[in-house]
Amino acid sequence: MLEKYKRIPERTIHEVLKISYDCLQDGAKRVFLDIACFFKRKTLEFIEDVLEACDDGARFYIEILVDKSLITIDEVNNRLYMHDLIQQMAKEIVRQEAPSNPGQCSRLWEAIILKE
């Protein structure tokens, strides 16, 4: 990975961070985006329970994300953390699914209140 980073001409931080995301299996990508959009700072037990109900293998993918340093687990309080820049990159990946129509994205993490 470091060799790839060295060969990259000047790019945004998100583009560089996205290299690690692009190398993930599809299941790990789904779990990563779910964590970034909904579960940062939640307990590992809670996250595993929710994700296992939707995606068999979530525990395995969480281990992969830890190994790739995309997420960390605080062993004292058993909460899952992710660097803010990594979270921003993940949310940008989701936003790019439908940049002009957020309602068509695979994940929504902010409520938008429309005034009539």
Protein backbone atom coordinates (compact mmCIF):
# COMPACT_ATOMS: atom_id res chain seq x y z
CA MET A 1 0.00 0.00 0.00
CA LEU A 2 2.78 2.44 0.83
CA GLU A 3 4.20 2.01 -2.66
CA LYS A 4 0.81 2.89 -4.12
CA TYR A 5 0.68 6.04 -1.99
CA LYS A 6 4.13 7.12 -3.17
CA ARG A 7 3.14 6.78 -6.84
CA ILE A 8 0.00 8.87 -6.44
CA PRO A 9 0.36 12.37 -7.84
CA GLU A 10 -1.18 15.16 -5.82
CA ARG A 11 -4.68 14.02 -4.99
CA THR A 12 -7.15 14.83 -2.31
CA ILE A 13 -6.88 13.05 1.01
CA HIS A 14 -10.17 11.28 0.29
CA GLU A 15 -8.83 9.83 -2.95
CA VAL A 16 -5.77 8.50 -1.14
CA LEU A 17 -7.83 7.04 1.70
CA LYS A 18 -10.21 5.47 -0.80
CA ILE A 19 -7.44 3.14 -1.98
CA SER A 20 -7.85 1.13 1.22
CA TYR A 21 -11.62 1.04 0.74
CA ASP A 22 -11.33 -0.08 -2.90
CA CYS A 23 -9.27 -3.12 -1.85
CA LEU A 24 -12.02 -4.43 0.46
CA GLN A 25 -14.40 -7.30 -0.33
CA ASP A 26 -17.97 -6.22 -1.08
CA GLY A 27 -19.23 -7.40 2.32
CA ALA A 28 -16.52 -5.46 4.13
CA LYS A 29 -17.38 -2.37 2.07
CA ARG A 30 -21.03 -2.61 3.14
CA VAL A 31 -20.14 -3.00 6.81
CA PHE A 32 -17.60 -0.15 6.58
CA LEU A 33 -20.15 2.25 5.09
CA ASP A 34 -22.77 1.22 7.67
CA ILE A 35 -20.34 1.88 10.50
CA ALA A 36 -19.28 5.24 9.06
CA CYS A 37 -22.84 6.43 8.55
CA PHE A 38 -24.59 5.01 11.61
CA PHE A 39 -22.45 3.27 14.22
CA LYS A 40 -19.35 5.31 15.05
CA ARG A 41 -18.83 5.35 18.85
CA LYS A 42 -21.42 2.62 19.46
CA THR A 43 -20.55 -0.53 21.39
CA LEU A 44 -19.14 -3.42 19.43
CA GLU A 45 -21.83 -5.73 20.82
CA PHE A 46 -24.63 -3.43 19.59
CA ILE A 47 -23.06 -3.06 16.14
CA GLU A 48 -22.50 -6.77 15.73
CA ASP A 49 -26.07 -7.57 16.79
CA VAL A 50 -27.59 -5.11 14.31
CA LEU A 51 -25.30 -5.96 11.41
CA GLU A 52 -25.45 -9.73 11.92
CA ALA A 53 -29.25 -9.51 11.65
CA CYS A 54 -28.83 -7.94 8.18
CA ASP A 55 -25.54 -9.30 6.89
CA ASP A 56 -24.19 -12.69 7.87
CA GLY A 57 -20.45 -12.38 8.36
CA ALA A 58 -20.44 -8.88 9.84
CA ARG A 59 -18.16 -9.96 12.70
CA PHE A 60 -15.62 -11.26 10.20
CA TYR A 61 -15.76 -8.01 8.20
CA ILE A 62 -15.31 -5.92 11.35
CA GLU A 63 -12.11 -7.86 12.05
CA ILE A 64 -10.90 -7.10 8.52
CA LEU A 65 -11.63 -3.38 9.00
CA VAL A 66 -9.65 -3.41 12.24
CA ASP A 67 -6.76 -5.21 10.51
CA LYS A 68 -6.78 -2.58 7.74
CA SER A 69 -6.81 0.20 10.39
CA LEU A 70 -10.04 1.64 9.00
CA ILE A 71 -11.68 1.28 12.42
CA THR A 72 -10.45 0.78 15.97
CA ILE A 73 -12.05 -0.74 19.03
CA ASP A 74 -11.47 0.83 22.42
CA GLU A 75 -10.85 -2.17 24.66
CA VAL A 76 -11.79 -0.26 27.83
CA ASN A 77 -15.36 0.63 26.86
CA ASN A 78 -15.68 -1.76 23.86
CA ARG A 79 -16.74 1.07 21.52
CA LEU A 80 -15.91 1.30 17.87
CA TYR A 81 -14.11 4.37 16.53
CA MET A 82 -13.05 5.68 13.15
CA HIS A 83 -10.92 8.70 12.27
CA ASP A 84 -13.02 11.67 11.15
CA LEU A 85 -11.27 11.84 7.76
CA ILE A 86 -12.03 8.18 7.11
CA GLN A 87 -15.65 8.76 8.07
CA GLN A 88 -15.85 11.79 5.74
CA MET A 89 -14.42 9.70 2.90
CA ALA A 90 -17.01 6.98 3.53
CA LYS A 91 -19.87 9.46 3.54
CA GLU A 92 -18.55 10.96 0.30
CA ILE A 93 -18.60 7.49 -1.28
CA VAL A 94 -22.27 7.18 -0.33
CA ARG A 95 -23.04 10.74 -1.48
CA GLN A 96 -21.51 10.00 -4.90
CA GLU A 97 -24.10 7.25 -5.45
CA ALA A 98 -26.65 10.00 -6.28
CA PRO A 99 -25.07 13.43 -5.84
CA SER A 100 -28.11 15.39 -7.01
CA ASN A 101 -30.72 13.24 -5.25
CA PRO A 102 -29.68 12.10 -1.74
CA GLY A 103 -32.89 10.11 -1.36
CA GLN A 104 -31.56 7.58 -3.86
CA CYS A 105 -28.37 6.89 -1.91
CA SER A 106 -27.98 3.56 -0.14
CA ARG A 107 -27.70 5.26 3.27
CA LEU A 108 -29.14 8.44 4.77
CA TRP A 109 -27.65 9.76 7.99
CA GLU A 110 -29.10 13.26 8.25
CA ALA A 111 -32.69 14.34 8.48
CA ILE A 112 -33.57 17.21 6.18
CA ILE A 113 -36.50 19.32 7.24
CA LEU A 114 -38.30 20.94 4.36
CA LYS A 115 -40.32 24.09 4.90
CA GLU A 116 -43.57 24.41 2.98
